[in-house]
Amino acid sequence: MSTRPTTTPPAAPRTETAETPAGTARITWYPARPARSARLVLAVGHGAGGGIEARDLVALAAALPARGVTVALVEQPWRVAGKKVAAAPKVLDEGWRGLWPALARPGLPVVAGGRSAGARVACRTAAELGAAGVLALAFPLHPPGKPENSRAGELTGAGVPTLVLQGGRDPFGRPEEFPEGGHELVEVPGADHGLAVPRKADPGQEAVLELVTASVADWLDRLVPA
């Protein structure tokens, strides 16, 4: 079955709020289609510099419901409150822990995911929350130009099966900089931290998003077989 992304997410998403110790979070649901096909929930948080409108999150929400995956795009309390600057890591973790019960669906495992700062949150909290796995989109291995300030321990310490999708020219960590073992890594050719490629790149943006959705779908199929 194709995982080809569309330019808009599936019709009729459902939005709800969840109260957390860090404030009110928001979850936008894209249910598996048909509902009886649902086999897991993929909960994905955004980064520090943007929201759930990120191209990769939109593509996943468009492609995965047809594969029996209910996608939950999560907005942290600081973003819901309209703040411009992300909360501290400890506060982000508090928000994620607090909304986790709202992600549970009877009989369905929950995979924790996120892009950039959201991926760090998912890695730091996965084991304690009982996540079935972690999806890390554009994991910020280190600040740009400062490889000595590595965050590899958060990734390798996730304690659950982990998939990393990393742009080939991501200044926060190129694929070859990542440690081996403890996770699967898929390089997104020519992509930056936002998984964007130059206008005339080959492969182009649409093909890159197809790679992202297909890679995630394949990994989820192996993690939680239909």
C-alpha atoms as a PDB file:
ATOM      1  CA  MET A   1       0.000   0.000   0.000  1.00  0.00           C
ATOM      2  CA  SER A   2       1.373   3.417  -0.922  1.00  0.00           C
ATOM      3  CA  THR A   3       2.642   5.802   1.718  1.00  0.00           C
ATOM      4  CA  ARG A   4       2.792   8.674  -0.747  1.00  0.00           C
ATOM      5  CA  PRO A   5       2.220  11.929   1.178  1.00  0.00           C
ATOM      6  CA  THR A   6      -0.310  14.540   0.175  1.00  0.00           C
ATOM      7  CA  THR A   7      -0.033  18.290   0.467  1.00  0.00           C
ATOM      8  CA  THR A   8      -2.802  18.388   3.090  1.00  0.00           C
ATOM      9  CA  PRO A   9      -3.503  16.105   6.059  1.00  0.00           C
ATOM     10  CA  PRO A  10      -6.455  13.671   6.077  1.00  0.00           C
ATOM     11  CA  ALA A  11      -9.938  15.123   6.382  1.00  0.00           C
ATOM     12  CA  ALA A  12     -11.704  15.745   9.679  1.00  0.00           C
ATOM     13  CA  PRO A  13      -8.966  15.564  12.288  1.00  0.00           C
ATOM     14  CA  ARG A  14     -10.203  15.774  15.868  1.00  0.00           C
ATOM     15  CA  THR A  15      -8.632  18.107  18.421  1.00  0.00           C
ATOM     16  CA  GLU A  16      -8.712  17.850  22.201  1.00  0.00           C
ATOM     17  CA  THR A  17      -6.866  19.458  25.087  1.00  0.00           C
ATOM     18  CA  ALA A  18      -5.085  17.755  27.957  1.00  0.00           C
ATOM     19  CA  GLU A  19      -4.153  19.326  31.272  1.00  0.00           C
ATOM     20  CA  THR A  20      -0.570  18.756  32.409  1.00  0.00           C
ATOM     21  CA  PRO A  21       1.641  20.083  35.233  1.00  0.00           C
ATOM     22  CA  ALA A  22       3.210  22.374  32.609  1.00  0.00           C
ATOM     23  CA  GLY A  23      -0.133  23.752  31.406  1.00  0.00           C
ATOM     24  CA  THR A  24      -2.682  22.881  28.738  1.00  0.00           C
ATOM     25  CA  ALA A  25      -1.463  20.718  25.860  1.00  0.00           C
ATOM     26  CA  ARG A  26      -3.331  20.060  22.622  1.00  0.00           C
ATOM     27  CA  ILE A  27      -3.644  16.804  20.663  1.00  0.00           C
ATOM     28  CA  THR A  28      -4.824  16.663  17.054  1.00  0.00           C
ATOM     29  CA  TRP A  29      -5.942  13.150  16.130  1.00  0.00           C
ATOM     30  CA  TYR A  30      -5.813  11.525  12.700  1.00  0.00           C
ATOM     31  CA  PRO A  31      -7.585   8.186  13.265  1.00  0.00           C
ATOM     32  CA  ALA A  32      -6.701   4.973  11.482  1.00  0.00           C
ATOM     33  CA  ARG A  33      -8.942   4.275   8.501  1.00  0.00           C
ATOM     34  CA  PRO A  34     -11.110   2.240   8.800  1.00  0.00           C
ATOM     35  CA  ALA A  35     -11.315   2.487  12.591  1.00  0.00           C
ATOM     36  CA  ARG A  36     -11.302  -1.297  13.029  1.00  0.00           C
ATOM     37  CA  SER A  37      -7.871  -1.453  11.379  1.00  0.00           C
ATOM     38  CA  ALA A  38      -6.185   0.530  14.192  1.00  0.00           C
ATOM     39  CA  ARG A  39      -3.185  -1.342  15.627  1.00  0.00           C
ATOM     40  CA  LEU A  40      -1.136   1.399  17.287  1.00  0.00           C
ATOM     41  CA  VAL A  41      -0.963   5.087  18.188  1.00  0.00           C
ATOM     42  CA  LEU A  42       1.951   7.205  16.982  1.00  0.00           C
ATOM     43  CA  ALA A  43       2.186  10.332  19.151  1.00  0.00           C
ATOM     44  CA  VAL A  44       4.523  12.958  17.704  1.00  0.00           C
ATOM     45  CA  GLY A  45       5.632  16.210  19.301  1.00  0.00           C
ATOM     46  CA  HIS A  46       7.004  19.286  17.535  1.00  0.00           C
ATOM     47  CA  GLY A  47      10.337  21.036  17.844  1.00  0.00           C
ATOM     48  CA  ALA A  48      11.411  24.197  19.621  1.00  0.00           C
ATOM     49  CA  GLY A  49      11.226  26.329  16.485  1.00  0.00           C
ATOM     50  CA  GLY A  50       7.851  25.331  15.073  1.00  0.00           C
ATOM     51  CA  GLY A  51       4.625  23.451  15.547  1.00  0.00           C
ATOM     52  CA  ILE A  52       2.695  20.512  14.143  1.00  0.00           C
ATOM     53  CA  GLU A  53       2.562  22.175  10.730  1.00  0.00           C
ATOM     54  CA  ALA A  54       6.098  20.866  10.039  1.00  0.00           C
ATOM     55  CA  ARG A  55       6.274  19.151   6.644  1.00  0.00           C
ATOM     56  CA  ASP A  56       7.288  15.759   7.999  1.00  0.00           C
ATOM     57  CA  LEU A  57       4.559  15.710  10.650  1.00  0.00           C
ATOM     58  CA  VAL A  58       1.908  16.666   8.084  1.00  0.00           C
ATOM     59  CA  ALA A  59       3.169  13.938   5.737  1.00  0.00           C
ATOM     60  CA  LEU A  60       3.001  11.277   8.452  1.00  0.00           C
ATOM     61  CA  ALA A  61      -0.516  12.330   9.425  1.00  0.00           C
ATOM     62  CA  ALA A  62      -1.556  12.063   5.785  1.00  0.00           C
ATOM     63  CA  ALA A  63       0.050   8.714   5.005  1.00  0.00           C
ATOM     64  CA  LEU A  64      -0.102   6.497   8.082  1.00  0.00           C
ATOM     65  CA  PRO A  65      -3.818   6.275   9.002  1.00  0.00           C
ATOM     66  CA  ALA A  66      -4.399   4.114   5.918  1.00  0.00           C
ATOM     67  CA  ARG A  67      -1.801   1.720   7.379  1.00  0.00           C
ATOM     68  CA  GLY A  68      -3.735   1.176  10.608  1.00  0.00           C
ATOM     69  CA  VAL A  69      -1.822   3.847  12.516  1.00  0.00           C
ATOM     70  CA  THR A  70      -3.683   6.479  14.504  1.00  0.00           C
ATOM     71  CA  VAL A  71      -1.499   9.596  14.456  1.00  0.00           C
ATOM     72  CA  ALA A  72      -1.636  12.080  17.331  1.00  0.00           C
ATOM     73  CA  LEU A  73       0.145  15.387  16.717  1.00  0.00           C
ATOM     74  CA  VAL A  74       0.943  16.909  20.084  1.00  0.00           C
ATOM     75  CA  GLU A  75       1.408  20.604  20.879  1.00  0.00           C
ATOM     76  CA  GLN A  76       3.304  21.345  24.069  1.00  0.00           C
ATOM     77  CA  PRO A  77       1.744  23.775  26.597  1.00  0.00           C
ATOM     78  CA  TRP A  78       4.188  26.583  25.780  1.00  0.00           C
ATOM     79  CA  ARG A  79       3.073  26.456  22.148  1.00  0.00           C
ATOM     80  CA  VAL A  80      -0.623  26.308  23.037  1.00  0.00           C
ATOM     81  CA  ALA A  81      -0.139  29.356  25.279  1.00  0.00           C
ATOM     82  CA  GLY A  82       1.260  31.299  22.327  1.00  0.00           C
ATOM     83  CA  LYS A  83       4.772  31.708  23.705  1.00  0.00           C
ATOM     84  CA  LYS A  84       7.626  32.269  21.272  1.00  0.00           C
ATOM     85  CA  VAL A  85      10.341  30.456  23.199  1.00  0.00           C
ATOM     86  CA  ALA A  86      10.215  26.776  24.109  1.00  0.00           C
ATOM     87  CA  ALA A  87      10.124  25.733  27.743  1.00  0.00           C
ATOM     88  CA  ALA A  88      13.138  24.192  29.483  1.00  0.00           C
ATOM     89  CA  PRO A  89      13.750  20.461  28.901  1.00  0.00           C
ATOM     90  CA  LYS A  90      12.471  19.542  32.370  1.00  0.00           C
ATOM     91  CA  VAL A  91       9.211  21.391  31.702  1.00  0.00           C
ATOM     92  CA  LEU A  92       8.854  19.794  28.270  1.00  0.00           C
ATOM     93  CA  ASP A  93       9.198  16.373  29.884  1.00  0.00           C
ATOM     94  CA  GLU A  94       6.582  17.282  32.503  1.00  0.00           C
ATOM     95  CA  GLY A  95       4.155  18.281  29.778  1.00  0.00           C
ATOM     96  CA  TRP A  96       4.745  15.060  27.828  1.00  0.00           C
ATOM     97  CA  ARG A  97       4.335  12.873  30.909  1.00  0.00           C
ATOM     98  CA  GLY A  98       1.167  14.707  31.867  1.00  0.00           C
ATOM     99  CA  LEU A  99      -0.554  14.225  28.512  1.00  0.00           C
ATOM    100  CA  TRP A 100       0.568  10.610  28.026  1.00  0.00           C
ATOM    101  CA  PRO A 101      -2.613   9.102  29.621  1.00  0.00           C
ATOM    102  CA  ALA A 102      -4.706  10.988  27.045  1.00  0.00           C
ATOM    103  CA  LEU A 103      -2.873   9.131  24.265  1.00  0.00           C
ATOM    104  CA  ALA A 104      -3.863   5.665  25.474  1.00  0.00           C
ATOM    105  CA  ARG A 105      -6.427   3.708  23.500  1.00  0.00           C
ATOM    106  CA  PRO A 106      -7.681   0.305  24.714  1.00  0.00           C
ATOM    107  CA  GLY A 107      -5.445  -2.474  23.465  1.00  0.00           C
ATOM    108  CA  LEU A 108      -3.224  -0.228  21.336  1.00  0.00           C
ATOM    109  CA  PRO A 109       0.499   0.267  21.978  1.00  0.00           C
ATOM    110  CA  VAL A 110       1.724   3.859  21.852  1.00  0.00           C
ATOM    111  CA  VAL A 111       4.904   4.826  20.005  1.00  0.00           C
ATOM    112  CA  ALA A 112       6.448   8.086  21.226  1.00  0.00           C
ATOM    113  CA  GLY A 113       7.832  10.396  18.592  1.00  0.00           C
ATOM    114  CA  GLY A 114       8.979  13.898  17.967  1.00  0.00           C
ATOM    115  CA  ARG A 115      11.033  16.141  15.769  1.00  0.00           C
ATOM    116  CA  SER A 116      14.141  17.905  17.072  1.00  0.00           C
ATOM    117  CA  ALA A 117      13.477  18.927  20.704  1.00  0.00           C
ATOM    118  CA  GLY A 118      10.382  16.736  20.622  1.00  0.00           C
ATOM    119  CA  ALA A 119      12.556  13.749  19.742  1.00  0.00           C
ATOM    120  CA  ARG A 120      14.718  14.439  22.789  1.00  0.00           C
ATOM    121  CA  VAL A 121      11.625  14.478  24.995  1.00  0.00           C
ATOM    122  CA  ALA A 122      10.432  11.178  23.542  1.00  0.00           C
ATOM    123  CA  CYS A 123      13.835   9.559  24.133  1.00  0.00           C
ATOM    124  CA  ARG A 124      14.157  10.833  27.710  1.00  0.00           C
ATOM    125  CA  THR A 125      10.733   9.593  28.804  1.00  0.00           C
ATOM    126  CA  ALA A 126      10.040   6.504  26.657  1.00  0.00           C
ATOM    127  CA  ALA A 127      11.077   3.769  29.062  1.00  0.00           C
ATOM    128  CA  GLU A 128       9.318   5.173  32.130  1.00  0.00           C
ATOM    129  CA  LEU A 129       6.089   5.768  30.195  1.00  0.00           C
ATOM    130  CA  GLY A 130       6.052   2.315  28.625  1.00  0.00           C
ATOM    131  CA  ALA A 131       6.302   3.506  25.023  1.00  0.00           C
ATOM    132  CA  ALA A 132       6.496   0.714  22.460  1.00  0.00           C
ATOM    133  CA  GLY A 133       9.211   2.578  20.577  1.00  0.00           C
ATOM    134  CA  VAL A 134      10.589   6.005  19.701  1.00  0.00           C
ATOM    135  CA  LEU A 135      10.498   7.822  16.369  1.00  0.00           C
ATOM    136  CA  ALA A 136      13.159  10.556  16.281  1.00  0.00           C
ATOM    137  CA  LEU A 137      12.854  13.010  13.401  1.00  0.00           C
ATOM    138  CA  ALA A 138      15.896  15.289  12.987  1.00  0.00           C
ATOM    139  CA  PHE A 139      17.382  14.397  16.359  1.00  0.00           C
ATOM    140  CA  PRO A 140      19.546  17.346  17.499  1.00  0.00           C
ATOM    141  CA  LEU A 141      22.691  15.394  18.315  1.00  0.00           C
ATOM    142  CA  HIS A 142      24.534  18.597  19.205  1.00  0.00           C
ATOM    143  CA  PRO A 143      24.158  22.370  18.783  1.00  0.00           C
ATOM    144  CA  PRO A 144      25.350  23.561  15.346  1.00  0.00           C
ATOM    145  CA  GLY A 145      29.134  23.804  15.261  1.00  0.00           C
ATOM    146  CA  LYS A 146      29.538  22.260  18.729  1.00  0.00           C
ATOM    147  CA  PRO A 147      29.911  18.495  18.292  1.00  0.00           C
ATOM    148  CA  GLU A 148      31.620  18.330  21.674  1.00  0.00           C
ATOM    149  CA  ASN A 149      28.250  19.085  23.317  1.00  0.00           C
ATOM    150  CA  SER A 150      26.789  15.722  22.374  1.00  0.00           C
ATOM    151  CA  ARG A 151      23.302  14.566  23.346  1.00  0.00           C
ATOM    152  CA  ALA A 152      23.946  11.019  22.154  1.00  0.00           C
ATOM    153  CA  GLY A 153      23.257   9.672  25.641  1.00  0.00           C
ATOM    154  CA  GLU A 154      19.602  10.663  25.389  1.00  0.00           C
ATOM    155  CA  LEU A 155      19.244   8.704  22.161  1.00  0.00           C
ATOM    156  CA  THR A 156      21.180   5.615  23.191  1.00  0.00           C
ATOM    157  CA  GLY A 157      19.499   5.623  26.590  1.00  0.00           C
ATOM    158  CA  ALA A 158      15.928   5.538  25.273  1.00  0.00           C
ATOM    159  CA  GLY A 159      15.633   1.890  26.268  1.00  0.00           C
ATOM    160  CA  VAL A 160      13.124   0.972  23.544  1.00  0.00           C
ATOM    161  CA  PRO A 161      13.358   0.320  19.780  1.00  0.00           C
ATOM    162  CA  THR A 162      14.239   3.627  18.126  1.00  0.00           C
ATOM    163  CA  LEU A 163      14.178   4.901  14.548  1.00  0.00           C
ATOM    164  CA  VAL A 164      16.056   8.068  13.576  1.00  0.00           C
ATOM    165  CA  LEU A 165      15.333   9.986  10.348  1.00  0.00           C
ATOM    166  CA  GLN A 166      18.226  12.407   9.832  1.00  0.00           C
ATOM    167  CA  GLY A 167      18.950  14.868   7.055  1.00  0.00           C
ATOM    168  CA  GLY A 168      22.240  14.411   5.215  1.00  0.00           C
ATOM    169  CA  ARG A 169      23.170  18.066   5.774  1.00  0.00           C
ATOM    170  CA  ASP A 170      21.605  18.631   9.208  1.00  0.00           C
ATOM    171  CA  PRO A 171      23.855  21.075  11.127  1.00  0.00           C
ATOM    172  CA  PHE A 172      22.555  19.589  14.396  1.00  0.00           C
ATOM    173  CA  GLY A 173      24.204  16.288  13.504  1.00  0.00           C
ATOM    174  CA  ARG A 174      24.878  14.567  10.203  1.00  0.00           C
ATOM    175  CA  PRO A 175      24.101  10.842   9.938  1.00  0.00           C
ATOM    176  CA  GLU A 176      27.783   9.851  10.008  1.00  0.00           C
ATOM    177  CA  GLU A 177      28.198  11.567  13.384  1.00  0.00           C
ATOM    178  CA  PHE A 178      25.722   9.280  15.152  1.00  0.00           C
ATOM    179  CA  PRO A 179      26.961   6.468  17.385  1.00  0.00           C
ATOM    180  CA  GLU A 180      26.356   2.934  16.236  1.00  0.00           C
ATOM    181  CA  GLY A 181      24.022   0.533  17.994  1.00  0.00           C
ATOM    182  CA  GLY A 182      20.821   0.924  19.952  1.00  0.00           C
ATOM    183  CA  HIS A 183      18.817   2.462  17.127  1.00  0.00           C
ATOM    184  CA  GLU A 184      18.095   2.330  13.410  1.00  0.00           C
ATOM    185  CA  LEU A 185      19.073   5.336  11.324  1.00  0.00           C
ATOM    186  CA  VAL A 186      17.783   6.352   7.902  1.00  0.00           C
ATOM    187  CA  GLU A 187      19.584   9.149   6.080  1.00  0.00           C
ATOM    188  CA  VAL A 188      17.373  11.618   4.233  1.00  0.00           C
ATOM    189  CA  PRO A 189      19.601  12.643   1.286  1.00  0.00           C
ATOM    190  CA  GLY A 190      20.353  16.346   0.991  1.00  0.00           C
ATOM    191  CA  ALA A 191      17.906  17.337   3.728  1.00  0.00           C
ATOM    192  CA  ASP A 192      18.482  19.971   6.397  1.00  0.00           C
ATOM    193  CA  HIS A 193      17.174  20.044   9.976  1.00  0.00           C
ATOM    194  CA  GLY A 194      13.636  20.650   8.726  1.00  0.00           C
ATOM    195  CA  LEU A 195      14.019  17.718   6.308  1.00  0.00           C
ATOM    196  CA  ALA A 196      13.847  20.227   3.485  1.00  0.00           C
ATOM    197  CA  VAL A 197      15.979  19.930   0.351  1.00  0.00           C
ATOM    198  CA  PRO A 198      17.083  22.656  -2.094  1.00  0.00           C
ATOM    199  CA  ARG A 199      14.573  23.499  -4.816  1.00  0.00           C
ATOM    200  CA  LYS A 200      16.531  21.803  -7.602  1.00  0.00           C
ATOM    201  CA  ALA A 201      17.750  18.858  -5.522  1.00  0.00           C
ATOM    202  CA  ASP A 202      17.501  15.272  -6.698  1.00  0.00           C
ATOM    203  CA  PRO A 203      15.663  13.652  -5.016  1.00  0.00           C
ATOM    204  CA  GLY A 204      13.207  16.514  -4.658  1.00  0.00           C
ATOM    205  CA  GLN A 205      11.018  17.452  -1.712  1.00  0.00           C
ATOM    206  CA  GLU A 206       8.122  15.164  -2.612  1.00  0.00           C
ATOM    207  CA  ALA A 207      10.432  12.164  -2.993  1.00  0.00           C
ATOM    208  CA  VAL A 208      12.104  12.976   0.319  1.00  0.00           C
ATOM    209  CA  LEU A 209       8.765  12.984   2.120  1.00  0.00           C
ATOM    210  CA  GLU A 210       7.885   9.693   0.452  1.00  0.00           C
ATOM    211  CA  LEU A 211      11.134   8.273   1.831  1.00  0.00           C
ATOM    212  CA  VAL A 212      10.266   9.533   5.306  1.00  0.00           C
ATOM    213  CA  THR A 213       6.742   8.113   5.353  1.00  0.00           C
ATOM    214  CA  ALA A 214       7.770   4.812   3.763  1.00  0.00           C
ATOM    215  CA  SER A 215      10.643   4.351   6.223  1.00  0.00           C
ATOM    216  CA  VAL A 216       8.417   5.069   9.215  1.00  0.00           C
ATOM    217  CA  ALA A 217       5.649   2.809   7.893  1.00  0.00           C
ATOM    218  CA  ASP A 218       8.103  -0.074   7.342  1.00  0.00           C
ATOM    219  CA  TRP A 219       9.573   0.316  10.823  1.00  0.00           C
ATOM    220  CA  LEU A 220       6.135   0.420  12.457  1.00  0.00           C
ATOM    221  CA  ASP A 221       5.085  -2.683  10.499  1.00  0.00           C
ATOM    222  CA  ARG A 222       8.071  -4.519  11.978  1.00  0.00           C
ATOM    223  CA  LEU A 223       7.539  -3.097  15.446  1.00  0.00           C
ATOM    224  CA  VAL A 224       3.794  -3.814  15.630  1.00  0.00           C
ATOM    225  CA  PRO A 225       2.810  -6.248  12.855  1.00  0.00           C
ATOM    226  CA  ALA A 226      -0.693  -5.930  11.415  1.00  0.00           C
END
